[in-house]
Amino acid sequence: MRYQFEMTLRRAEGALVRVLGTTERRGFRPVSFEGDAHADSDHWNLRMTVEGDRAAIALQGQLAKLYDCLSVEVSPCR
């Protein structure tokens, strides 16, 4: 199943690597990855599409625990 994650991250060294590493360690395969920076702050908007057989709520909870992750929302892809 495919899921789309919408995240807000701090622009910190290694933040993207931590997101990708957590995603892969939880058994999901990144399919697409897109992001942009807020013009007036030190945050990134990140959109990531993943594939996996596990429930997306498991990955959502792990991503939310990352220090640099300020918010994370998940929705199934249509």
Protein backbone atom coordinates (compact mmCIF):
# COMPACT_ATOMS: atom_id res chain seq x y z
CA MET A 1 0.00 0.00 0.00
CA ARG A 2 1.15 3.57 -0.65
CA TYR A 3 0.97 6.38 1.86
CA GLN A 4 1.78 10.07 1.70
CA PHE A 5 3.41 11.80 4.66
CA GLU A 6 3.32 15.57 5.10
CA MET A 7 5.91 16.79 7.60
CA THR A 8 7.35 19.97 9.01
CA LEU A 9 10.99 19.64 10.02
CA ARG A 10 13.57 21.90 11.58
CA ARG A 11 16.31 22.77 9.10
CA ALA A 12 18.97 20.91 11.01
CA GLU A 13 21.99 18.96 9.87
CA GLY A 14 21.03 15.32 9.39
CA ALA A 15 17.25 15.83 9.68
CA LEU A 16 16.51 14.39 6.24
CA VAL A 17 18.85 11.46 6.79
CA ARG A 18 17.06 10.63 10.05
CA VAL A 19 13.67 10.71 8.32
CA LEU A 20 14.84 8.41 5.51
CA GLY A 21 16.65 6.07 7.89
CA THR A 22 13.63 5.74 10.16
CA THR A 23 11.40 5.13 7.15
CA GLU A 24 13.56 2.31 5.84
CA ARG A 25 14.17 0.73 9.26
CA ARG A 26 10.40 0.54 9.79
CA GLY A 27 9.99 -1.47 6.58
CA PHE A 28 8.77 1.22 4.19
CA ARG A 29 10.29 2.06 0.81
CA PRO A 30 10.44 5.74 -0.17
CA VAL A 31 8.91 6.27 -3.61
CA SER A 32 9.08 10.06 -3.88
CA PHE A 33 10.47 12.85 -1.76
CA GLU A 34 9.74 16.55 -2.21
CA GLY A 35 10.29 19.55 0.00
CA ASP A 36 10.71 23.27 0.28
CA ALA A 37 11.90 25.71 2.91
CA HIS A 38 9.76 28.28 4.67
CA ALA A 39 11.03 31.66 3.48
CA ASP A 40 10.76 33.35 6.87
CA SER A 41 11.77 30.55 9.26
CA ASP A 42 14.12 27.66 9.82
CA HIS A 43 11.59 24.95 8.86
CA TRP A 44 11.12 22.62 5.89
CA ASN A 45 7.85 21.37 4.45
CA LEU A 46 8.40 17.79 3.33
CA ARG A 47 6.14 15.47 1.32
CA MET A 48 7.17 11.83 1.14
CA THR A 49 5.37 8.95 -0.56
CA VAL A 50 6.21 5.47 0.69
CA GLU A 51 5.21 1.87 -0.01
CA GLY A 52 4.89 -0.79 2.63
CA ASP A 53 2.86 -3.68 3.97
CA ARG A 54 2.72 -2.36 7.54
CA ALA A 55 0.24 0.11 8.98
CA ALA A 56 1.25 3.71 8.31
CA ILE A 57 0.41 4.70 11.89
CA ALA A 58 3.53 2.78 13.03
CA LEU A 59 5.79 4.94 10.87
CA GLN A 60 3.89 8.11 11.75
CA GLY A 61 4.54 7.51 15.44
CA GLN A 62 8.25 6.90 14.91
CA LEU A 63 8.68 9.98 12.73
CA ALA A 64 6.84 12.12 15.28
CA LYS A 65 9.42 11.05 17.91
CA LEU A 66 12.32 12.49 15.91
CA TYR A 67 13.65 15.67 17.53
CA ASP A 68 13.63 17.64 14.28
CA CYS A 69 10.09 16.60 13.30
CA LEU A 70 7.59 19.28 14.35
CA SER A 71 4.50 17.71 12.77
CA VAL A 72 3.62 14.66 10.68
CA GLU A 73 0.35 13.75 8.95
CA VAL A 74 -0.34 10.62 6.91
CA SER A 75 -2.93 9.78 4.29
CA PRO A 76 -3.36 6.82 1.93
CA CYS A 77 -2.54 7.46 -1.72
CA ARG A 78 -5.37 7.05 -4.17
